[in-house]
Full PDB file with SEQRES, HELIX, SHEET, SSBOND, CRYST1, ORIGX, SCALE, CONECT and MASTER records, all heavy atoms in Angstrom:
SEQRES   1 A   33  PRO GLU SER VAL GLY ARG ALA MET THR ASP ILE GLN GLN          
SEQRES   2 A   33  MET GLY GLY ASP PHE SER GLN PRO GLU ILE ARG GLY ASP          
SEQRES   3 A   33  MET SER VAL LYS SER GLY SER                                  
HELIX    1 AA1 VAL A    4  GLN A   13  1                                  10    
SHEET    1 AA1 2 GLU A  22  ARG A  24  0                                        
SHEET    2 AA1 2 MET A  27  VAL A  29 -1                                        
CRYST1    1.000    1.000    1.000  90.00  90.00  90.00 P 1           1          
ORIGX1      1.000000  0.000000  0.000000        0.00000                         
ORIGX2      0.000000  1.000000  0.000000        0.00000                         
ORIGX3      0.000000  0.000000  1.000000        0.00000                         
SCALE1      1.000000  0.000000  0.000000        0.00000                         
SCALE2      0.000000  1.000000  0.000000        0.00000                         
SCALE3      0.000000  0.000000  1.000000        0.00000                         
ATOM      1  N   PRO A   1      87.068  53.566 -51.349  1.00  0.00           N  
ATOM      2  CA  PRO A   1      87.191  54.508 -52.473  1.00  0.00           C  
ATOM      3  C   PRO A   1      85.899  54.715 -53.254  1.00  0.00           C  
ATOM      4  O   PRO A   1      85.630  55.800 -53.737  1.00  0.00           O  
ATOM      5  CB  PRO A   1      88.278  53.884 -53.354  1.00  0.00           C  
ATOM      6  CG  PRO A   1      89.092  53.056 -52.427  1.00  0.00           C  
ATOM      7  CD  PRO A   1      88.130  52.553 -51.382  1.00  0.00           C  
ATOM      8  N   GLU A   2      85.060  53.695 -53.360  1.00  0.00           N  
ATOM      9  CA  GLU A   2      83.814  53.844 -54.108  1.00  0.00           C  
ATOM     10  C   GLU A   2      82.783  54.714 -53.376  1.00  0.00           C  
ATOM     11  O   GLU A   2      81.793  55.136 -53.961  1.00  0.00           O  
ATOM     12  CB  GLU A   2      83.207  52.472 -54.452  1.00  0.00           C  
ATOM     13  CG  GLU A   2      82.842  51.624 -53.258  1.00  0.00           C  
ATOM     14  CD  GLU A   2      83.987  50.725 -52.771  1.00  0.00           C  
ATOM     15  OE1 GLU A   2      85.122  50.860 -53.259  1.00  0.00           O  
ATOM     16  OE2 GLU A   2      83.718  49.906 -51.898  1.00  0.00           O  
ATOM     17  N   SER A   3      83.008  55.020 -52.101  1.00  0.00           N  
ATOM     18  CA  SER A   3      82.068  55.837 -51.319  1.00  0.00           C  
ATOM     19  C   SER A   3      82.537  57.281 -51.148  1.00  0.00           C  
ATOM     20  O   SER A   3      81.884  58.063 -50.455  1.00  0.00           O  
ATOM     21  CB  SER A   3      81.858  55.215 -49.939  1.00  0.00           C  
ATOM     22  OG  SER A   3      81.330  53.922 -50.060  1.00  0.00           O  
ATOM     23  N   VAL A   4      83.677  57.646 -51.734  1.00  0.00           N  
ATOM     24  CA  VAL A   4      84.236  58.988 -51.554  1.00  0.00           C  
ATOM     25  C   VAL A   4      83.280  60.067 -52.064  1.00  0.00           C  
ATOM     26  O   VAL A   4      83.050  61.069 -51.407  1.00  0.00           O  
ATOM     27  CB  VAL A   4      85.613  59.110 -52.245  1.00  0.00           C  
ATOM     28  CG1 VAL A   4      86.078  60.551 -52.287  1.00  0.00           C  
ATOM     29  CG2 VAL A   4      86.635  58.266 -51.519  1.00  0.00           C  
ATOM     30  N   GLY A   5      82.702  59.875 -53.244  1.00  0.00           N  
ATOM     31  CA  GLY A   5      81.784  60.877 -53.812  1.00  0.00           C  
ATOM     32  C   GLY A   5      80.603  61.139 -52.907  1.00  0.00           C  
ATOM     33  O   GLY A   5      80.219  62.280 -52.677  1.00  0.00           O  
ATOM     34  N   ARG A   6      80.006  60.074 -52.374  1.00  0.00           N  
ATOM     35  CA  ARG A   6      78.852  60.212 -51.476  1.00  0.00           C  
ATOM     36  C   ARG A   6      79.256  60.943 -50.197  1.00  0.00           C  
ATOM     37  O   ARG A   6      78.547  61.829 -49.715  1.00  0.00           O  
ATOM     38  CB  ARG A   6      78.287  58.825 -51.161  1.00  0.00           C  
ATOM     39  CG  ARG A   6      77.219  58.812 -50.103  1.00  0.00           C  
ATOM     40  CD  ARG A   6      75.941  59.505 -50.590  1.00  0.00           C  
ATOM     41  NE  ARG A   6      75.000  59.715 -49.537  1.00  0.00           N  
ATOM     42  CZ  ARG A   6      73.971  58.932 -49.283  1.00  0.00           C  
ATOM     43  NH1 ARG A   6      73.749  57.886 -50.042  1.00  0.00           N  
ATOM     44  NH2 ARG A   6      73.165  59.209 -48.290  1.00  0.00           N  
ATOM     45  N   ALA A   7      80.427  60.595 -49.652  1.00  0.00           N  
ATOM     46  CA  ALA A   7      80.891  61.240 -48.424  1.00  0.00           C  
ATOM     47  C   ALA A   7      81.129  62.732 -48.653  1.00  0.00           C  
ATOM     48  O   ALA A   7      80.751  63.567 -47.826  1.00  0.00           O  
ATOM     49  CB  ALA A   7      82.170  60.566 -47.921  1.00  0.00           C  
ATOM     50  N   MET A   8      81.730  63.088 -49.792  1.00  0.00           N  
ATOM     51  CA  MET A   8      81.991  64.499 -50.096  1.00  0.00           C  
ATOM     52  C   MET A   8      80.675  65.270 -50.214  1.00  0.00           C  
ATOM     53  O   MET A   8      80.544  66.382 -49.698  1.00  0.00           O  
ATOM     54  CB  MET A   8      82.797  64.615 -51.395  1.00  0.00           C  
ATOM     55  CG  MET A   8      84.221  64.138 -51.248  1.00  0.00           C  
ATOM     56  SD  MET A   8      85.134  63.974 -52.794  1.00  0.00           S  
ATOM     57  CE  MET A   8      85.048  65.590 -53.475  1.00  0.00           C  
ATOM     58  N   THR A   9      79.684  64.679 -50.872  1.00  0.00           N  
ATOM     59  CA  THR A   9      78.374  65.324 -51.010  1.00  0.00           C  
ATOM     60  C   THR A   9      77.728  65.525 -49.648  1.00  0.00           C  
ATOM     61  O   THR A   9      77.199  66.599 -49.353  1.00  0.00           O  
ATOM     62  CB  THR A   9      77.462  64.467 -51.917  1.00  0.00           C  
ATOM     63  OG1 THR A   9      78.082  64.323 -53.185  1.00  0.00           O  
ATOM     64  CG2 THR A   9      76.096  65.109 -52.071  1.00  0.00           C  
ATOM     65  N   ASP A  10      77.774  64.497 -48.804  1.00  0.00           N  
ATOM     66  CA  ASP A  10      77.188  64.599 -47.467  1.00  0.00           C  
ATOM     67  C   ASP A  10      77.846  65.711 -46.652  1.00  0.00           C  
ATOM     68  O   ASP A  10      77.169  66.510 -45.995  1.00  0.00           O  
ATOM     69  CB  ASP A  10      77.313  63.275 -46.711  1.00  0.00           C  
ATOM     70  CG  ASP A  10      76.408  62.186 -47.256  1.00  0.00           C  
ATOM     71  OD1 ASP A  10      75.493  62.513 -48.056  1.00  0.00           O  
ATOM     72  OD2 ASP A  10      76.609  61.017 -46.885  1.00  0.00           O  
ATOM     73  N   ILE A  11      79.160  65.793 -46.691  1.00  0.00           N  
ATOM     74  CA  ILE A  11      79.891  66.809 -45.919  1.00  0.00           C  
ATOM     75  C   ILE A  11      79.559  68.207 -46.439  1.00  0.00           C  
ATOM     76  O   ILE A  11      79.337  69.131 -45.656  1.00  0.00           O  
ATOM     77  CB  ILE A  11      81.410  66.534 -45.962  1.00  0.00           C  
ATOM     78  CG1 ILE A  11      81.723  65.241 -45.207  1.00  0.00           C  
ATOM     79  CG2 ILE A  11      82.186  67.702 -45.367  1.00  0.00           C  
ATOM     80  CD1 ILE A  11      83.117  64.699 -45.451  1.00  0.00           C  
ATOM     81  N   GLN A  12      79.498  68.372 -47.754  1.00  0.00           N  
ATOM     82  CA  GLN A  12      79.147  69.672 -48.324  1.00  0.00           C  
ATOM     83  C   GLN A  12      77.733  70.078 -47.928  1.00  0.00           C  
ATOM     84  O   GLN A  12      77.481  71.247 -47.617  1.00  0.00           O  
ATOM     85  CB  GLN A  12      79.280  69.650 -49.841  1.00  0.00           C  
ATOM     86  CG  GLN A  12      80.710  69.652 -50.312  1.00  0.00           C  
ATOM     87  CD  GLN A  12      80.840  69.495 -51.816  1.00  0.00           C  
ATOM     88  OE1 GLN A  12      79.988  68.909 -52.462  1.00  0.00           O  
ATOM     89  NE2 GLN A  12      81.916  70.034 -52.365  1.00  0.00           N  
ATOM     90  N   GLN A  13      76.797  69.148 -47.920  1.00  0.00           N  
ATOM     91  CA  GLN A  13      75.419  69.462 -47.537  1.00  0.00           C  
ATOM     92  C   GLN A  13      75.310  69.850 -46.065  1.00  0.00           C  
ATOM     93  O   GLN A  13      74.401  70.563 -45.676  1.00  0.00           O  
ATOM     94  CB  GLN A  13      74.488  68.291 -47.850  1.00  0.00           C  
ATOM     95  CG  GLN A  13      74.250  68.113 -49.334  1.00  0.00           C  
ATOM     96  CD  GLN A  13      73.398  66.896 -49.663  1.00  0.00           C  
ATOM     97  OE1 GLN A  13      73.211  66.010 -48.845  1.00  0.00           O  
ATOM     98  NE2 GLN A  13      72.891  66.877 -50.879  1.00  0.00           N  
ATOM     99  N   MET A  14      76.252  69.385 -45.248  1.00  0.00           N  
ATOM    100  CA  MET A  14      76.271  69.753 -43.829  1.00  0.00           C  
ATOM    101  C   MET A  14      76.939  71.102 -43.603  1.00  0.00           C  
ATOM    102  O   MET A  14      77.008  71.581 -42.483  1.00  0.00           O  
ATOM    103  CB  MET A  14      77.016  68.693 -43.026  1.00  0.00           C  
ATOM    104  CG  MET A  14      76.293  67.392 -42.902  1.00  0.00           C  
ATOM    105  SD  MET A  14      77.150  66.256 -41.817  1.00  0.00           S  
ATOM    106  CE  MET A  14      78.211  65.407 -42.948  1.00  0.00           C  
ATOM    107  N   GLY A  15      77.478  71.707 -44.657  1.00  0.00           N  
ATOM    108  CA  GLY A  15      78.180  72.976 -44.508  1.00  0.00           C  
ATOM    109  C   GLY A  15      79.618  72.802 -44.064  1.00  0.00           C  
ATOM    110  O   GLY A  15      80.243  73.733 -43.566  1.00  0.00           O  
ATOM    111  N   GLY A  16      80.153  71.616 -44.238  1.00  0.00           N  
ATOM    112  CA  GLY A  16      81.513  71.334 -43.810  1.00  0.00           C  
ATOM    113  C   GLY A  16      82.542  71.578 -44.895  1.00  0.00           C  
ATOM    114  O   GLY A  16      82.213  71.800 -46.063  1.00  0.00           O  
ATOM    115  N   ASP A  17      83.794  71.531 -44.501  1.00  0.00           N  
ATOM    116  CA  ASP A  17      84.931  71.664 -45.403  1.00  0.00           C  
ATOM    117  C   ASP A  17      85.796  70.423 -45.256  1.00  0.00           C  
ATOM    118  O   ASP A  17      85.832  69.811 -44.187  1.00  0.00           O  
ATOM    119  CB  ASP A  17      85.784  72.884 -45.036  1.00  0.00           C  
ATOM    120  CG  ASP A  17      85.038  74.196 -45.234  1.00  0.00           C  
ATOM    121  OD1 ASP A  17      84.369  74.330 -46.265  1.00  0.00           O  
ATOM    122  OD2 ASP A  17      85.143  75.066 -44.356  1.00  0.00           O  
ATOM    123  N   PHE A  18      86.524  70.084 -46.308  1.00  0.00           N  
ATOM    124  CA  PHE A  18      87.375  68.913 -46.245  1.00  0.00           C  
ATOM    125  C   PHE A  18      88.557  69.064 -47.190  1.00  0.00           C  
ATOM    126  O   PHE A  18      88.542  69.884 -48.097  1.00  0.00           O  
ATOM    127  CB  PHE A  18      86.601  67.633 -46.574  1.00  0.00           C  
ATOM    128  CG  PHE A  18      85.809  67.733 -47.844  1.00  0.00           C  
ATOM    129  CD1 PHE A  18      86.388  67.463 -49.069  1.00  0.00           C  
ATOM    130  CD2 PHE A  18      84.484  68.126 -47.804  1.00  0.00           C  
ATOM    131  CE1 PHE A  18      85.659  67.566 -50.233  1.00  0.00           C  
ATOM    132  CE2 PHE A  18      83.748  68.230 -48.972  1.00  0.00           C  
ATOM    133  CZ  PHE A  18      84.333  67.951 -50.187  1.00  0.00           C  
ATOM    134  N   SER A  19      89.573  68.242 -46.946  1.00  0.00           N  
ATOM    135  CA  SER A  19      90.770  68.245 -47.796  1.00  0.00           C  
ATOM    136  C   SER A  19      90.623  67.174 -48.873  1.00  0.00           C  
ATOM    137  O   SER A  19      89.677  66.392 -48.865  1.00  0.00           O  
ATOM    138  CB  SER A  19      91.998  67.962 -46.939  1.00  0.00           C  
ATOM    139  OG  SER A  19      91.880  66.661 -46.368  1.00  0.00           O  
ATOM    140  N   GLN A  20      91.592  67.120 -49.761  1.00  0.00           N  
ATOM    141  CA  GLN A  20      91.604  66.070 -50.779  1.00  0.00           C  
ATOM    142  C   GLN A  20      91.772  64.710 -50.099  1.00  0.00           C  
ATOM    143  O   GLN A  20      92.503  64.590 -49.116  1.00  0.00           O  
ATOM    144  CB  GLN A  20      92.768  66.298 -51.755  1.00  0.00           C  
ATOM    145  CG  GLN A  20      92.586  67.480 -52.668  1.00  0.00           C  
ATOM    146  CD  GLN A  20      91.442  67.263 -53.648  1.00  0.00           C  
ATOM    147  OE1 GLN A  20      91.184  66.152 -54.087  1.00  0.00           O  
ATOM    148  NE2 GLN A  20      90.731  68.325 -53.964  1.00  0.00           N  
ATOM    149  N   PRO A  21      91.097  63.690 -50.605  1.00  0.00           N  
ATOM    150  CA  PRO A  21      91.227  62.365 -49.985  1.00  0.00           C  
ATOM    151  C   PRO A  21      92.641  61.799 -50.150  1.00  0.00           C  
ATOM    152  O   PRO A  21      93.294  62.032 -51.159  1.00  0.00           O  
ATOM    153  CB  PRO A  21      90.213  61.503 -50.733  1.00  0.00           C  
ATOM    154  CG  PRO A  21      89.637  62.327 -51.807  1.00  0.00           C  
ATOM    155  CD  PRO A  21      90.169  63.713 -51.715  1.00  0.00           C  
ATOM    156  N   GLU A  22      93.075  61.100 -49.132  1.00  0.00           N  
ATOM    157  CA  GLU A  22      94.352  60.384 -49.180  1.00  0.00           C  
ATOM    158  C   GLU A  22      94.034  58.890 -49.231  1.00  0.00           C  
ATOM    159  O   GLU A  22      93.105  58.438 -48.581  1.00  0.00           O  
ATOM    160  CB  GLU A  22      95.173  60.658 -47.912  1.00  0.00           C  
ATOM    161  CG  GLU A  22      95.533  62.102 -47.686  1.00  0.00           C  
ATOM    162  CD  GLU A  22      96.218  62.287 -46.330  1.00  0.00           C  
ATOM    163  OE1 GLU A  22      96.847  61.326 -45.832  1.00  0.00           O  
ATOM    164  OE2 GLU A  22      96.101  63.382 -45.775  1.00  0.00           O  
ATOM    165  N   ILE A  23      94.798  58.155 -49.971  1.00  0.00           N  
ATOM    166  CA  ILE A  23      94.611  56.713 -50.036  1.00  0.00           C  
ATOM    167  C   ILE A  23      95.562  56.053 -49.046  1.00  0.00           C  
ATOM    168  O   ILE A  23      96.777  56.263 -49.094  1.00  0.00           O  
ATOM    169  CB  ILE A  23      94.867  56.171 -51.462  1.00  0.00           C  
ATOM    170  CG1 ILE A  23      93.977  56.886 -52.476  1.00  0.00           C  
ATOM    171  CG2 ILE A  23      94.683  54.658 -51.518  1.00  0.00           C  
ATOM    172  CD1 ILE A  23      92.496  56.694 -52.260  1.00  0.00           C  
ATOM    173  N   ARG A  24      95.000  55.281 -48.129  1.00  0.00           N  
ATOM    174  CA  ARG A  24      95.799  54.529 -47.147  1.00  0.00           C  
ATOM    175  C   ARG A  24      95.350  53.072 -47.223  1.00  0.00           C  
ATOM    176  O   ARG A  24      94.285  52.734 -46.712  1.00  0.00           O  
ATOM    177  CB  ARG A  24      95.587  55.065 -45.738  1.00  0.00           C  
ATOM    178  CG  ARG A  24      96.157  56.443 -45.539  1.00  0.00           C  
ATOM    179  CD  ARG A  24      96.123  56.833 -44.081  1.00  0.00           C  
ATOM    180  NE  ARG A  24      96.412  58.240 -43.941  1.00  0.00           N  
ATOM    181  CZ  ARG A  24      96.031  58.969 -42.909  1.00  0.00           C  
ATOM    182  NH1 ARG A  24      95.348  58.421 -41.925  1.00  0.00           N  
ATOM    183  NH2 ARG A  24      96.336  60.252 -42.853  1.00  0.00           N  
ATOM    184  N   GLY A  25      96.163  52.279 -47.845  1.00  0.00           N  
ATOM    185  CA  GLY A  25      95.795  50.873 -48.020  1.00  0.00           C  
ATOM    186  C   GLY A  25      94.594  50.768 -48.945  1.00  0.00           C  
ATOM    187  O   GLY A  25      94.603  51.271 -50.056  1.00  0.00           O  
ATOM    188  N   ASP A  26      93.547  50.136 -48.444  1.00  0.00           N  
ATOM    189  CA  ASP A  26      92.336  49.987 -49.257  1.00  0.00           C  
ATOM    190  C   ASP A  26      91.243  50.978 -48.843  1.00  0.00           C  
ATOM    191  O   ASP A  26      90.090  50.820 -49.229  1.00  0.00           O  
ATOM    192  CB  ASP A  26      91.809  48.555 -49.162  1.00  0.00           C  
ATOM    193  CG  ASP A  26      91.442  48.159 -47.739  1.00  0.00           C  
ATOM    194  OD1 ASP A  26      91.849  48.876 -46.793  1.00  0.00           O  
ATOM    195  OD2 ASP A  26      90.742  47.141 -47.571  1.00  0.00           O  
ATOM    196  N   MET A  27      91.598  52.000 -48.094  1.00  0.00           N  
ATOM    197  CA  MET A  27      90.618  53.005 -47.639  1.00  0.00           C  
ATOM    198  C   MET A  27      91.037  54.403 -48.106  1.00  0.00           C  
ATOM    199  O   MET A  27      92.212  54.687 -48.297  1.00  0.00           O  
ATOM    200  CB  MET A  27      90.516  53.013 -46.109  1.00  0.00           C  
ATOM    201  CG  MET A  27      90.003  51.711 -45.521  1.00  0.00           C  
ATOM    202  SD  MET A  27      88.332  51.334 -46.022  1.00  0.00           S  
ATOM    203  CE  MET A  27      87.427  52.193 -44.788  1.00  0.00           C  
ATOM    204  N   SER A  28      90.046  55.254 -48.254  1.00  0.00           N  
ATOM    205  CA  SER A  28      90.270  56.658 -48.587  1.00  0.00           C  
ATOM    206  C   SER A  28      90.001  57.471 -47.323  1.00  0.00           C  
ATOM    207  O   SER A  28      88.969  57.287 -46.672  1.00  0.00           O  
ATOM    208  CB  SER A  28      89.324  57.076 -49.712  1.00  0.00           C  
ATOM    209  OG  SER A  28      89.515  58.424 -50.022  1.00  0.00           O  
ATOM    210  N   VAL A  29      90.917  58.370 -46.961  1.00  0.00           N  
ATOM    211  CA  VAL A  29      90.805  59.144 -45.721  1.00  0.00           C  
ATOM    212  C   VAL A  29      90.608  60.613 -46.066  1.00  0.00           C  
ATOM    213  O   VAL A  29      91.387  61.196 -46.820  1.00  0.00           O  
ATOM    214  CB  VAL A  29      92.063  58.970 -44.835  1.00  0.00           C  
ATOM    215  CG1 VAL A  29      91.946  59.780 -43.563  1.00  0.00           C  
ATOM    216  CG2 VAL A  29      92.291  57.504 -44.523  1.00  0.00           C  
ATOM    217  N   LYS A  30      89.552  61.206 -45.506  1.00  0.00           N  
ATOM    218  CA  LYS A  30      89.264  62.636 -45.688  1.00  0.00           C  
ATOM    219  C   LYS A  30      89.359  63.301 -44.327  1.00  0.00           C  
ATOM    220  O   LYS A  30      88.836  62.800 -43.350  1.00  0.00           O  
ATOM    221  CB  LYS A  30      87.856  62.852 -46.229  1.00  0.00           C  
ATOM    222  CG  LYS A  30      87.667  62.250 -47.602  1.00  0.00           C  
ATOM    223  CD  LYS A  30      86.394  62.719 -48.226  1.00  0.00           C  
ATOM    224  CE  LYS A  30      86.469  64.066 -48.810  1.00  0.00           C  
ATOM    225  NZ  LYS A  30      87.581  64.450 -49.607  1.00  0.00           N  
ATOM    226  N   SER A  31      90.011  64.475 -44.275  1.00  0.00           N  
ATOM    227  CA  SER A  31      90.070  65.282 -43.054  1.00  0.00           C  
ATOM    228  C   SER A  31      89.302  66.555 -43.302  1.00  0.00           C  
ATOM    229  O   SER A  31      89.271  67.069 -44.424  1.00  0.00           O  
ATOM    230  CB  SER A  31      91.522  65.638 -42.718  1.00  0.00           C  
ATOM    231  OG  SER A  31      92.265  64.468 -42.517  1.00  0.00           O  
ATOM    232  N   GLY A  32      88.669  67.088 -42.264  1.00  0.00           N  
ATOM    233  CA  GLY A  32      87.931  68.326 -42.436  1.00  0.00           C  
ATOM    234  C   GLY A  32      87.266  68.779 -41.164  1.00  0.00           C  
ATOM    235  O   GLY A  32      87.587  68.313 -40.070  1.00  0.00           O  
ATOM    236  N   SER A  33      86.297  69.680 -41.314  1.00  0.00           N  
ATOM    237  CA  SER A  33      85.534  70.191 -40.175  1.00  0.00           C  
ATOM    238  C   SER A  33      84.107  70.460 -40.616  1.00  0.00           C  
ATOM    239  O   SER A  33      83.846  70.723 -41.793  1.00  0.00           O  
ATOM    240  CB  SER A  33      86.171  71.468 -39.617  1.00  0.00           C  
ATOM    241  OG  SER A  33      86.185  72.476 -40.607  1.00  0.00           O  
TER     242      SER A  33                                                      
MASTER        0    0    0    1    2    0    0    6  241    1    0    3          
END                                                                             
């Protein structure tokens, strides 16, 4: 969860799209392209 912001920034800089993060256990899961 503490790395979600960095991951979202990285994906946006790549020109990608993603959905809202889902919490599964102790991990945050993002889906996109």
